[in-house]
Amino acid sequence: MKRSIKAYRHYYKALFDSLDKGTQEKVLYGMLLLKTQDRLPAKYVKFIGSGLFELRIEWQGNNYRFFFCFDEGNIVVLFNCFRKKTQKTPRKEIEKAYKLMEDYYEEKRRTI
């Protein structure tokens, strides 16, 4: 399995660039798993609902979440991402991810 990863807008890059080198390497490892593995354990990926997933990264006591969906079966589209500070993923972050996913598919429909 080999998927390509596409970031939608600036959210992924903004968070990634703010991370220290060790955390960036851990995130890149998670991305490599998304690109190459058919199935990932719940430790790394969680299904949120309606086609939305989160990539879960933990490094040195910090938790990060990167929302994504699969497009055309093999393209992973990254939406918003954030450092998780609470037990549950904040509802506003999930709603933001759904909105960005909706915007992505709308833009895609207009360009076809």
PDB file of N, CA and C in Angstrom:
ATOM      1  N   MET A   1       0.860  -1.192   0.000  1.00  0.00           N
ATOM      2  CA  MET A   1       0.000   0.000   0.000  1.00  0.00           C
ATOM      3  C   MET A   1       0.891   1.235   0.000  1.00  0.00           C
ATOM      4  N   LYS A   2       0.593   2.144  -0.870  1.00  0.00           N
ATOM      5  CA  LYS A   2       1.327   3.415  -0.933  1.00  0.00           C
ATOM      6  C   LYS A   2       0.328   4.516  -1.216  1.00  0.00           C
ATOM      7  N   ARG A   3       0.142   5.418  -0.268  1.00  0.00           N
ATOM      8  CA  ARG A   3      -0.763   6.555  -0.419  1.00  0.00           C
ATOM      9  C   ARG A   3       0.063   7.825  -0.470  1.00  0.00           C
ATOM     10  N   SER A   4      -0.499   8.835  -1.078  1.00  0.00           N
ATOM     11  CA  SER A   4       0.137  10.144  -0.995  1.00  0.00           C
ATOM     12  C   SER A   4      -0.605  10.953   0.062  1.00  0.00           C
ATOM     13  N   ILE A   5       0.089  11.894   0.664  1.00  0.00           N
ATOM     14  CA  ILE A   5      -0.512  12.732   1.694  1.00  0.00           C
ATOM     15  C   ILE A   5      -0.563  14.160   1.180  1.00  0.00           C
ATOM     16  N   LYS A   6      -1.730  14.755   1.319  1.00  0.00           N
ATOM     17  CA  LYS A   6      -1.958  16.112   0.853  1.00  0.00           C
ATOM     18  C   LYS A   6      -2.490  16.923   2.015  1.00  0.00           C
ATOM     19  N   ALA A   7      -1.900  18.077   2.267  1.00  0.00           N
ATOM     20  CA  ALA A   7      -2.381  18.960   3.328  1.00  0.00           C
ATOM     21  C   ALA A   7      -3.323  19.994   2.731  1.00  0.00           C
ATOM     22  N   TYR A   8      -4.475  20.154   3.344  1.00  0.00           N
ATOM     23  CA  TYR A   8      -5.459  21.132   2.884  1.00  0.00           C
ATOM     24  C   TYR A   8      -5.263  22.422   3.662  1.00  0.00           C
ATOM     25  N   ARG A   9      -5.049  23.487   2.951  1.00  0.00           N
ATOM     26  CA  ARG A   9      -4.791  24.807   3.522  1.00  0.00           C
ATOM     27  C   ARG A   9      -3.508  24.794   4.362  1.00  0.00           C
ATOM     28  N   HIS A  10      -3.442  25.604   5.398  1.00  0.00           N
ATOM     29  CA  HIS A  10      -2.186  25.840   6.114  1.00  0.00           C
ATOM     30  C   HIS A  10      -2.103  25.188   7.496  1.00  0.00           C
ATOM     31  N   TYR A  11      -3.136  24.533   7.957  1.00  0.00           N
ATOM     32  CA  TYR A  11      -3.215  24.088   9.350  1.00  0.00           C
ATOM     33  C   TYR A  11      -2.113  23.104   9.734  1.00  0.00           C
ATOM     34  N   TYR A  12      -1.898  22.099   8.910  1.00  0.00           N
ATOM     35  CA  TYR A  12      -0.874  21.099   9.214  1.00  0.00           C
ATOM     36  C   TYR A  12       0.507  21.735   9.276  1.00  0.00           C
ATOM     37  N   LYS A  13       0.858  22.501   8.256  1.00  0.00           N
ATOM     38  CA  LYS A  13       2.191  23.102   8.198  1.00  0.00           C
ATOM     39  C   LYS A  13       2.424  24.051   9.370  1.00  0.00           C
ATOM     40  N   ALA A  14       1.410  24.819   9.733  1.00  0.00           N
ATOM     41  CA  ALA A  14       1.549  25.769  10.838  1.00  0.00           C
ATOM     42  C   ALA A  14       1.895  25.044  12.141  1.00  0.00           C
ATOM     43  N   LEU A  15       1.189  23.950  12.437  1.00  0.00           N
ATOM     44  CA  LEU A  15       1.505  23.218  13.662  1.00  0.00           C
ATOM     45  C   LEU A  15       2.844  22.504  13.528  1.00  0.00           C
ATOM     46  N   PHE A  16       3.058  21.830  12.404  1.00  0.00           N
ATOM     47  CA  PHE A  16       4.292  21.067  12.215  1.00  0.00           C
ATOM     48  C   PHE A  16       5.521  21.963  12.380  1.00  0.00           C
ATOM     49  N   ASP A  17       5.503  23.129  11.780  1.00  0.00           N
ATOM     50  CA  ASP A  17       6.650  24.039  11.866  1.00  0.00           C
ATOM     51  C   ASP A  17       6.909  24.531  13.283  1.00  0.00           C
ATOM     52  N   SER A  18       5.891  24.520  14.141  1.00  0.00           N
ATOM     53  CA  SER A  18       6.057  24.996  15.516  1.00  0.00           C
ATOM     54  C   SER A  18       6.606  23.918  16.460  1.00  0.00           C
ATOM     55  N   LEU A  19       6.683  22.674  15.990  1.00  0.00           N
ATOM     56  CA  LEU A  19       7.115  21.563  16.833  1.00  0.00           C
ATOM     57  C   LEU A  19       8.628  21.444  16.897  1.00  0.00           C
ATOM     58  N   ASP A  20       9.115  20.866  18.002  1.00  0.00           N
ATOM     59  CA  ASP A  20      10.555  20.600  18.103  1.00  0.00           C
ATOM     60  C   ASP A  20      10.914  19.419  17.200  1.00  0.00           C
ATOM     61  N   LYS A  21      12.188  19.231  16.979  1.00  0.00           N
ATOM     62  CA  LYS A  21      12.694  18.220  16.035  1.00  0.00           C
ATOM     63  C   LYS A  21      12.205  16.804  16.380  1.00  0.00           C
ATOM     64  N   GLY A  22      12.248  16.433  17.649  1.00  0.00           N
ATOM     65  CA  GLY A  22      11.816  15.096  18.060  1.00  0.00           C
ATOM     66  C   GLY A  22      10.343  14.854  17.775  1.00  0.00           C
ATOM     67  N   THR A  23       9.523  15.856  18.066  1.00  0.00           N
ATOM     68  CA  THR A  23       8.090  15.735  17.805  1.00  0.00           C
ATOM     69  C   THR A  23       7.827  15.676  16.309  1.00  0.00           C
ATOM     70  N   GLN A  24       8.545  16.479  15.529  1.00  0.00           N
ATOM     71  CA  GLN A  24       8.393  16.431  14.076  1.00  0.00           C
ATOM     72  C   GLN A  24       8.711  15.042  13.546  1.00  0.00           C
ATOM     73  N   GLU A  25       9.756  14.414  14.062  1.00  0.00           N
ATOM     74  CA  GLU A  25      10.119  13.070  13.612  1.00  0.00           C
ATOM     75  C   GLU A  25       9.025  12.062  13.953  1.00  0.00           C
ATOM     76  N   LYS A  26       8.429  12.196  15.123  1.00  0.00           N
ATOM     77  CA  LYS A  26       7.334  11.301  15.522  1.00  0.00           C
ATOM     78  C   LYS A  26       6.118  11.503  14.611  1.00  0.00           C
ATOM     79  N   VAL A  27       5.815  12.756  14.274  1.00  0.00           N
ATOM     80  CA  VAL A  27       4.708  13.049  13.358  1.00  0.00           C
ATOM     81  C   VAL A  27       4.999  12.446  11.986  1.00  0.00           C
ATOM     82  N   LEU A  28       6.217  12.605  11.505  1.00  0.00           N
ATOM     83  CA  LEU A  28       6.581  12.040  10.203  1.00  0.00           C
ATOM     84  C   LEU A  28       6.478  10.515  10.212  1.00  0.00           C
ATOM     85  N   TYR A  29       6.794   9.890  11.343  1.00  0.00           N
ATOM     86  CA  TYR A  29       6.622   8.444  11.464  1.00  0.00           C
ATOM     87  C   TYR A  29       5.147   8.080  11.335  1.00  0.00           C
ATOM     88  N   GLY A  30       4.284   8.832  11.994  1.00  0.00           N
ATOM     89  CA  GLY A  30       2.840   8.605  11.877  1.00  0.00           C
ATOM     90  C   GLY A  30       2.374   8.762  10.438  1.00  0.00           C
ATOM     91  N   MET A  31       2.897   9.764   9.748  1.00  0.00           N
ATOM     92  CA  MET A  31       2.541   9.980   8.339  1.00  0.00           C
ATOM     93  C   MET A  31       3.023   8.809   7.475  1.00  0.00           C
ATOM     94  N   LEU A  32       4.206   8.304   7.779  1.00  0.00           N
ATOM     95  CA  LEU A  32       4.725   7.155   7.048  1.00  0.00           C
ATOM     96  C   LEU A  32       3.799   5.946   7.222  1.00  0.00           C
ATOM     97  N   LEU A  33       3.311   5.746   8.432  1.00  0.00           N
ATOM     98  CA  LEU A  33       2.366   4.647   8.659  1.00  0.00           C
ATOM     99  C   LEU A  33       1.106   4.845   7.829  1.00  0.00           C
ATOM    100  N   LEU A  34       0.587   6.088   7.793  1.00  0.00           N
ATOM    101  CA  LEU A  34      -0.607   6.367   6.979  1.00  0.00           C
ATOM    102  C   LEU A  34      -0.350   6.063   5.507  1.00  0.00           C
ATOM    103  N   LYS A  35       0.843   6.377   5.045  1.00  0.00           N
ATOM    104  CA  LYS A  35       1.170   6.182   3.627  1.00  0.00           C
ATOM    105  C   LYS A  35       1.326   4.716   3.262  1.00  0.00           C
ATOM    106  N   THR A  36       1.785   3.889   4.195  1.00  0.00           N
ATOM    107  CA  THR A  36       2.217   2.550   3.815  1.00  0.00           C
ATOM    108  C   THR A  36       1.412   1.394   4.390  1.00  0.00           C
ATOM    109  N   GLN A  37       0.631   1.616   5.434  1.00  0.00           N
ATOM    110  CA  GLN A  37      -0.061   0.513   6.096  1.00  0.00           C
ATOM    111  C   GLN A  37      -1.547   0.486   5.754  1.00  0.00           C
ATOM    112  N   ASP A  38      -2.066  -0.717   5.519  1.00  0.00           N
ATOM    113  CA  ASP A  38      -3.493  -0.874   5.251  1.00  0.00           C
ATOM    114  C   ASP A  38      -4.328  -0.619   6.501  1.00  0.00           C
ATOM    115  N   ARG A  39      -3.890  -1.144   7.608  1.00  0.00           N
ATOM    116  CA  ARG A  39      -4.623  -1.000   8.875  1.00  0.00           C
ATOM    117  C   ARG A  39      -3.656  -0.497   9.936  1.00  0.00           C
ATOM    118  N   LEU A  40      -4.150   0.443  10.714  1.00  0.00           N
ATOM    119  CA  LEU A  40      -3.340   0.980  11.802  1.00  0.00           C
ATOM    120  C   LEU A  40      -4.059   0.761  13.119  1.00  0.00           C
ATOM    121  N   PRO A  41      -3.306   0.484  14.182  1.00  0.00           N
ATOM    122  CA  PRO A  41      -3.951   0.286  15.483  1.00  0.00           C
ATOM    123  C   PRO A  41      -4.583   1.577  15.997  1.00  0.00           C
ATOM    124  N   ALA A  42      -5.550   1.427  16.900  1.00  0.00           N
ATOM    125  CA  ALA A  42      -6.250   2.580  17.484  1.00  0.00           C
ATOM    126  C   ALA A  42      -5.290   3.514  18.210  1.00  0.00           C
ATOM    127  N   LYS A  43      -4.130   3.028  18.550  1.00  0.00           N
ATOM    128  CA  LYS A  43      -3.121   3.896  19.168  1.00  0.00           C
ATOM    129  C   LYS A  43      -2.761   5.046  18.228  1.00  0.00           C
ATOM    130  N   TYR A  44      -2.820   4.800  16.924  1.00  0.00           N
ATOM    131  CA  TYR A  44      -2.429   5.805  15.934  1.00  0.00           C
ATOM    132  C   TYR A  44      -3.591   6.465  15.211  1.00  0.00           C
ATOM    133  N   VAL A  45      -4.641   5.722  14.943  1.00  0.00           N
ATOM    134  CA  VAL A  45      -5.751   6.265  14.150  1.00  0.00           C
ATOM    135  C   VAL A  45      -7.077   5.948  14.826  1.00  0.00           C
ATOM    136  N   LYS A  46      -7.946   6.956  14.868  1.00  0.00           N
ATOM    137  CA  LYS A  46      -9.284   6.768  15.416  1.00  0.00           C
ATOM    138  C   LYS A  46     -10.299   7.294  14.408  1.00  0.00           C
ATOM    139  N   PHE A  47     -11.343   6.515  14.167  1.00  0.00           N
ATOM    140  CA  PHE A  47     -12.439   6.938  13.305  1.00  0.00           C
ATOM    141  C   PHE A  47     -13.334   7.866  14.108  1.00  0.00           C
ATOM    142  N   ILE A  48     -13.555   9.084  13.607  1.00  0.00           N
ATOM    143  CA  ILE A  48     -14.403  10.059  14.287  1.00  0.00           C
ATOM    144  C   ILE A  48     -15.848   9.906  13.820  1.00  0.00           C
ATOM    145  N   GLY A  49     -16.044   9.740  12.512  1.00  0.00           N
ATOM    146  CA  GLY A  49     -17.379   9.566  11.945  1.00  0.00           C
ATOM    147  C   GLY A  49     -17.503  10.289  10.628  1.00  0.00           C
ATOM    148  N   SER A  50     -18.429   9.849   9.785  1.00  0.00           N
ATOM    149  CA  SER A  50     -18.719  10.470   8.480  1.00  0.00           C
ATOM    150  C   SER A  50     -17.472  10.693   7.635  1.00  0.00           C
ATOM    151  N   GLY A  51     -16.576   9.719   7.620  1.00  0.00           N
ATOM    152  CA  GLY A  51     -15.384   9.805   6.785  1.00  0.00           C
ATOM    153  C   GLY A  51     -14.214  10.541   7.406  1.00  0.00           C
ATOM    154  N   LEU A  52     -14.351  11.025   8.626  1.00  0.00           N
ATOM    155  CA  LEU A  52     -13.289  11.776   9.292  1.00  0.00           C
ATOM    156  C   LEU A  52     -12.538  10.885  10.280  1.00  0.00           C
ATOM    157  N   PHE A  53     -11.219  10.995  10.258  1.00  0.00           N
ATOM    158  CA  PHE A  53     -10.343  10.237  11.148  1.00  0.00           C
ATOM    159  C   PHE A  53      -9.395  11.203  11.837  1.00  0.00           C
ATOM    160  N   GLU A  54      -8.751  10.718  12.909  1.00  0.00           N
ATOM    161  CA  GLU A  54      -7.685  11.504  13.514  1.00  0.00           C
ATOM    162  C   GLU A  54      -6.449  10.637  13.641  1.00  0.00           C
ATOM    163  N   LEU A  55      -5.312  11.212  13.278  1.00  0.00           N
ATOM    164  CA  LEU A  55      -4.015  10.594  13.508  1.00  0.00           C
ATOM    165  C   LEU A  55      -3.592  11.038  14.893  1.00  0.00           C
ATOM    166  N   ARG A  56      -3.236  10.077  15.731  1.00  0.00           N
ATOM    167  CA  ARG A  56      -2.906  10.358  17.122  1.00  0.00           C
ATOM    168  C   ARG A  56      -1.399  10.201  17.323  1.00  0.00           C
ATOM    169  N   ILE A  57      -0.780  11.268  17.758  1.00  0.00           N
ATOM    170  CA  ILE A  57       0.665  11.257  18.003  1.00  0.00           C
ATOM    171  C   ILE A  57       0.908  11.616  19.457  1.00  0.00           C
ATOM    172  N   GLU A  58       1.715  10.802  20.131  1.00  0.00           N
ATOM    173  CA  GLU A  58       2.111  11.095  21.506  1.00  0.00           C
ATOM    174  C   GLU A  58       3.625  11.149  21.567  1.00  0.00           C
ATOM    175  N   TRP A  59       4.151  12.204  22.173  1.00  0.00           N
ATOM    176  CA  TRP A  59       5.594  12.351  22.280  1.00  0.00           C
ATOM    177  C   TRP A  59       5.914  13.153  23.534  1.00  0.00           C
ATOM    178  N   GLN A  60       6.706  12.576  24.390  1.00  0.00           N
ATOM    179  CA  GLN A  60       7.171  13.209  25.629  1.00  0.00           C
ATOM    180  C   GLN A  60       6.032  13.830  26.437  1.00  0.00           C
ATOM    181  N   GLY A  61       4.980  13.058  26.610  1.00  0.00           N
ATOM    182  CA  GLY A  61       3.855  13.490  27.429  1.00  0.00           C
ATOM    183  C   GLY A  61       2.880  14.432  26.752  1.00  0.00           C
ATOM    184  N   ASN A  62       3.134  14.794  25.510  1.00  0.00           N
ATOM    185  CA  ASN A  62       2.230  15.665  24.754  1.00  0.00           C
ATOM    186  C   ASN A  62       1.461  14.835  23.734  1.00  0.00           C
ATOM    187  N   ASN A  63       0.207  15.188  23.552  1.00  0.00           N
ATOM    188  CA  ASN A  63      -0.645  14.505  22.572  1.00  0.00           C
ATOM    189  C   ASN A  63      -1.044  15.476  21.471  1.00  0.00           C
ATOM    190  N   TYR A  64      -0.927  15.016  20.239  1.00  0.00           N
ATOM    191  CA  TYR A  64      -1.283  15.824  19.074  1.00  0.00           C
ATOM    192  C   TYR A  64      -2.305  15.059  18.255  1.00  0.00           C
ATOM    193  N   ARG A  65      -3.206  15.806  17.637  1.00  0.00           N
ATOM    194  CA  ARG A  65      -4.230  15.214  16.784  1.00  0.00           C
ATOM    195  C   ARG A  65      -4.225  15.896  15.434  1.00  0.00           C
ATOM    196  N   PHE A  66      -4.251  15.085  14.378  1.00  0.00           N
ATOM    197  CA  PHE A  66      -4.265  15.563  12.998  1.00  0.00           C
ATOM    198  C   PHE A  66      -5.475  14.939  12.322  1.00  0.00           C
ATOM    199  N   PHE A  67      -6.444  15.746  11.942  1.00  0.00           N
ATOM    200  CA  PHE A  67      -7.653  15.229  11.305  1.00  0.00           C
ATOM    201  C   PHE A  67      -7.412  14.998   9.818  1.00  0.00           C
ATOM    202  N   PHE A  68      -8.002  13.923   9.293  1.00  0.00           N
ATOM    203  CA  PHE A  68      -7.833  13.612   7.873  1.00  0.00           C
ATOM    204  C   PHE A  68      -8.996  12.772   7.372  1.00  0.00           C
ATOM    205  N   CYS A  69      -9.040  12.640   6.049  1.00  0.00           N
ATOM    206  CA  CYS A  69      -9.980  11.722   5.415  1.00  0.00           C
ATOM    207  C   CYS A  69      -9.259  11.072   4.240  1.00  0.00           C
ATOM    208  N   PHE A  70      -9.843  10.024   3.733  1.00  0.00           N
ATOM    209  CA  PHE A  70      -9.314   9.375   2.538  1.00  0.00           C
ATOM    210  C   PHE A  70     -10.098   9.904   1.351  1.00  0.00           C
ATOM    211  N   ASP A  71      -9.389  10.262   0.311  1.00  0.00           N
ATOM    212  CA  ASP A  71     -10.027  10.784  -0.893  1.00  0.00           C
ATOM    213  C   ASP A  71      -9.641   9.892  -2.060  1.00  0.00           C
ATOM    214  N   GLU A  72     -10.615   9.387  -2.748  1.00  0.00           N
ATOM    215  CA  GLU A  72     -10.420   8.482  -3.888  1.00  0.00           C
ATOM    216  C   GLU A  72      -9.649   7.230  -3.485  1.00  0.00           C
ATOM    217  N   GLY A  73      -9.839   6.824  -2.246  1.00  0.00           N
ATOM    218  CA  GLY A  73      -9.269   5.573  -1.776  1.00  0.00           C
ATOM    219  C   GLY A  73      -7.810   5.594  -1.403  1.00  0.00           C
ATOM    220  N   ASN A  74      -7.058   6.593  -1.828  1.00  0.00           N
ATOM    221  CA  ASN A  74      -5.640   6.516  -1.520  1.00  0.00           C
ATOM    222  C   ASN A  74      -4.990   7.838  -1.136  1.00  0.00           C
ATOM    223  N   ILE A  75      -5.699   8.929  -1.178  1.00  0.00           N
ATOM    224  CA  ILE A  75      -5.086  10.203  -0.824  1.00  0.00           C
ATOM    225  C   ILE A  75      -5.547  10.590   0.572  1.00  0.00           C
ATOM    226  N   VAL A  76      -4.612  10.865   1.427  1.00  0.00           N
ATOM    227  CA  VAL A  76      -4.948  11.295   2.771  1.00  0.00           C
ATOM    228  C   VAL A  76      -4.897  12.814   2.786  1.00  0.00           C
ATOM    229  N   VAL A  77      -5.984  13.428   3.163  1.00  0.00           N
ATOM    230  CA  VAL A  77      -6.064  14.881   3.180  1.00  0.00           C
ATOM    231  C   VAL A  77      -6.043  15.335   4.638  1.00  0.00           C
ATOM    232  N   LEU A  78      -5.043  16.101   5.019  1.00  0.00           N
ATOM    233  CA  LEU A  78      -4.928  16.567   6.396  1.00  0.00           C
ATOM    234  C   LEU A  78      -5.639  17.895   6.562  1.00  0.00           C
ATOM    235  N   PHE A  79      -6.422  17.997   7.602  1.00  0.00           N
ATOM    236  CA  PHE A  79      -7.146  19.232   7.898  1.00  0.00           C
ATOM    237  C   PHE A  79      -6.512  19.892   9.114  1.00  0.00           C
ATOM    238  N   ASN A  80      -7.318  20.372  10.021  1.00  0.00           N
ATOM    239  CA  ASN A  80      -6.777  21.033  11.191  1.00  0.00           C
ATOM    240  C   ASN A  80      -6.064  20.047  12.109  1.00  0.00           C
ATOM    241  N   CYS A  81      -5.193  20.571  12.933  1.00  0.00           N
ATOM    242  CA  CYS A  81      -4.457  19.768  13.890  1.00  0.00           C
ATOM    243  C   CYS A  81      -4.191  20.633  15.123  1.00  0.00           C
ATOM    244  N   PHE A  82      -3.953  19.973  16.242  1.00  0.00           N
ATOM    245  CA  PHE A  82      -3.778  20.723  17.478  1.00  0.00           C
ATOM    246  C   PHE A  82      -3.097  19.864  18.525  1.00  0.00           C
ATOM    247  N   ARG A  83      -2.591  20.514  19.548  1.00  0.00           N
ATOM    248  CA  ARG A  83      -2.046  19.819  20.702  1.00  0.00           C
ATOM    249  C   ARG A  83      -3.196  19.585  21.671  1.00  0.00           C
ATOM    250  N   LYS A  84      -3.408  18.333  22.008  1.00  0.00           N
ATOM    251  CA  LYS A  84      -4.527  17.957  22.865  1.00  0.00           C
ATOM    252  C   LYS A  84      -4.132  18.144  24.326  1.00  0.00           C
ATOM    253  N   LYS A  85      -4.961  18.876  25.066  1.00  0.00           N
ATOM    254  CA  LYS A  85      -4.649  19.169  26.462  1.00  0.00           C
ATOM    255  C   LYS A  85      -5.684  18.608  27.430  1.00  0.00           C
ATOM    256  N   THR A  86      -6.764  18.043  26.893  1.00  0.00           N
ATOM    257  CA  THR A  86      -7.829  17.508  27.734  1.00  0.00           C
ATOM    258  C   THR A  86      -8.035  16.026  27.432  1.00  0.00           C
ATOM    259  N   GLN A  87      -8.794  15.351  28.264  1.00  0.00           N
ATOM    260  CA  GLN A  87      -9.049  13.925  28.087  1.00  0.00           C
ATOM    261  C   GLN A  87      -9.774  13.639  26.778  1.00  0.00           C
ATOM    262  N   LYS A  88     -10.796  14.433  26.471  1.00  0.00           N
ATOM    263  CA  LYS A  88     -11.574  14.234  25.248  1.00  0.00           C
ATOM    264  C   LYS A  88     -11.150  15.240  24.185  1.00  0.00           C
ATOM    265  N   THR A  89     -11.266  14.833  22.930  1.00  0.00           N
ATOM    266  CA  THR A  89     -11.013  15.759  21.828  1.00  0.00           C
ATOM    267  C   THR A  89     -12.089  16.839  21.857  1.00  0.00           C
ATOM    268  N   PRO A  90     -11.678  18.116  21.893  1.00  0.00           N
ATOM    269  CA  PRO A  90     -12.676  19.201  21.965  1.00  0.00           C
ATOM    270  C   PRO A  90     -13.649  19.170  20.783  1.00  0.00           C
ATOM    271  N   ARG A  91     -14.919  19.318  21.084  1.00  0.00           N
ATOM    272  CA  ARG A  91     -15.977  19.299  20.059  1.00  0.00           C
ATOM    273  C   ARG A  91     -15.729  20.357  18.991  1.00  0.00           C
ATOM    274  N   LYS A  92     -15.231  21.534  19.384  1.00  0.00           N
ATOM    275  CA  LYS A  92     -14.999  22.601  18.407  1.00  0.00           C
ATOM    276  C   LYS A  92     -13.929  22.204  17.385  1.00  0.00           C
ATOM    277  N   GLU A  93     -12.947  21.416  17.791  1.00  0.00           N
ATOM    278  CA  GLU A  93     -11.920  20.949  16.848  1.00  0.00           C
ATOM    279  C   GLU A  93     -12.512  19.949  15.862  1.00  0.00           C
ATOM    280  N   ILE A  94     -13.378  19.082  16.351  1.00  0.00           N
ATOM    281  CA  ILE A  94     -14.038  18.106  15.467  1.00  0.00           C
ATOM    282  C   ILE A  94     -14.950  18.833  14.488  1.00  0.00           C
ATOM    283  N   GLU A  95     -15.710  19.793  14.974  1.00  0.00           N
ATOM    284  CA  GLU A  95     -16.594  20.558  14.091  1.00  0.00           C
ATOM    285  C   GLU A  95     -15.798  21.330  13.050  1.00  0.00           C
ATOM    286  N   LYS A  96     -14.664  21.886  13.444  1.00  0.00           N
ATOM    287  CA  LYS A  96     -13.789  22.593  12.507  1.00  0.00           C
ATOM    288  C   LYS A  96     -13.293  21.630  11.425  1.00  0.00           C
ATOM    289  N   ALA A  97     -12.919  20.424  11.821  1.00  0.00           N
ATOM    290  CA  ALA A  97     -12.444  19.429  10.855  1.00  0.00           C
ATOM    291  C   ALA A  97     -13.545  19.052   9.865  1.00  0.00           C
ATOM    292  N   TYR A  98     -14.773  18.856  10.367  1.00  0.00           N
ATOM    293  CA  TYR A  98     -15.888  18.549   9.463  1.00  0.00           C
ATOM    294  C   TYR A  98     -16.119  19.689   8.482  1.00  0.00           C
ATOM    295  N   LYS A  99     -16.052  20.918   8.963  1.00  0.00           N
ATOM    296  CA  LYS A  99     -16.246  22.082   8.098  1.00  0.00           C
ATOM    297  C   LYS A  99     -15.158  22.141   7.025  1.00  0.00           C
ATOM    298  N   LEU A 100     -13.905  21.913   7.411  1.00  0.00           N
ATOM    299  CA  LEU A 100     -12.807  21.924   6.445  1.00  0.00           C
ATOM    300  C   LEU A 100     -12.943  20.788   5.436  1.00  0.00           C
ATOM    301  N   MET A 101     -13.395  19.631   5.885  1.00  0.00           N
ATOM    302  CA  MET A 101     -13.596  18.509   4.966  1.00  0.00           C
ATOM    303  C   MET A 101     -14.691  18.862   3.959  1.00  0.00           C
ATOM    304  N   GLU A 102     -15.758  19.471   4.439  1.00  0.00           N
ATOM    305  CA  GLU A 102     -16.841  19.915   3.559  1.00  0.00           C
ATOM    306  C   GLU A 102     -16.326  20.948   2.552  1.00  0.00           C
ATOM    307  N   ASP A 103     -15.524  21.910   3.015  1.00  0.00           N
ATOM    308  CA  ASP A 103     -14.941  22.920   2.130  1.00  0.00           C
ATOM    309  C   ASP A 103     -14.036  22.278   1.082  1.00  0.00           C
ATOM    310  N   TYR A 104     -13.246  21.307   1.505  1.00  0.00           N
ATOM    311  CA  TYR A 104     -12.332  20.611   0.586  1.00  0.00           C
ATOM    312  C   TYR A 104     -13.114  19.952  -0.548  1.00  0.00           C
ATOM    313  N   TYR A 105     -14.153  19.194  -0.197  1.00  0.00           N
ATOM    314  CA  TYR A 105     -14.926  18.499  -1.234  1.00  0.00           C
ATOM    315  C   TYR A 105     -15.696  19.472  -2.116  1.00  0.00           C
ATOM    316  N   GLU A 106     -16.131  20.589  -1.550  1.00  0.00           N
ATOM    317  CA  GLU A 106     -16.814  21.611  -2.354  1.00  0.00           C
ATOM    318  C   GLU A 106     -15.844  22.232  -3.355  1.00  0.00           C
ATOM    319  N   GLU A 107     -14.651  22.580  -2.907  1.00  0.00           N
ATOM    320  CA  GLU A 107     -13.635  23.127  -3.821  1.00  0.00           C
ATOM    321  C   GLU A 107     -13.280  22.110  -4.905  1.00  0.00           C
ATOM    322  N   LYS A 108     -13.180  20.861  -4.525  1.00  0.00           N
ATOM    323  CA  LYS A 108     -12.852  19.808  -5.483  1.00  0.00           C
ATOM    324  C   LYS A 108     -13.955  19.690  -6.541  1.00  0.00           C
ATOM    325  N   ARG A 109     -15.212  19.749  -6.119  1.00  0.00           N
ATOM    326  CA  ARG A 109     -16.339  19.661  -7.072  1.00  0.00           C
ATOM    327  C   ARG A 109     -16.300  20.819  -8.058  1.00  0.00           C
ATOM    328  N   ARG A 110     -15.946  22.006  -7.571  1.00  0.00           N
ATOM    329  CA  ARG A 110     -15.929  23.190  -8.454  1.00  0.00           C
ATOM    330  C   ARG A 110     -14.809  23.143  -9.469  1.00  0.00           C
ATOM    331  N   THR A 111     -13.726  22.434  -9.178  1.00  0.00           N
ATOM    332  CA  THR A 111     -12.583  22.388 -10.110  1.00  0.00           C
ATOM    333  C   THR A 111     -12.696  21.254 -11.117  1.00  0.00           C
ATOM    334  N   ILE A 112     -13.648  20.376 -10.937  1.00  0.00           N
ATOM    335  CA  ILE A 112     -13.791  19.247 -11.881  1.00  0.00           C
ATOM    336  C   ILE A 112     -14.667  19.648 -13.045  1.00  0.00           C
TER     337      ILE A 112
END
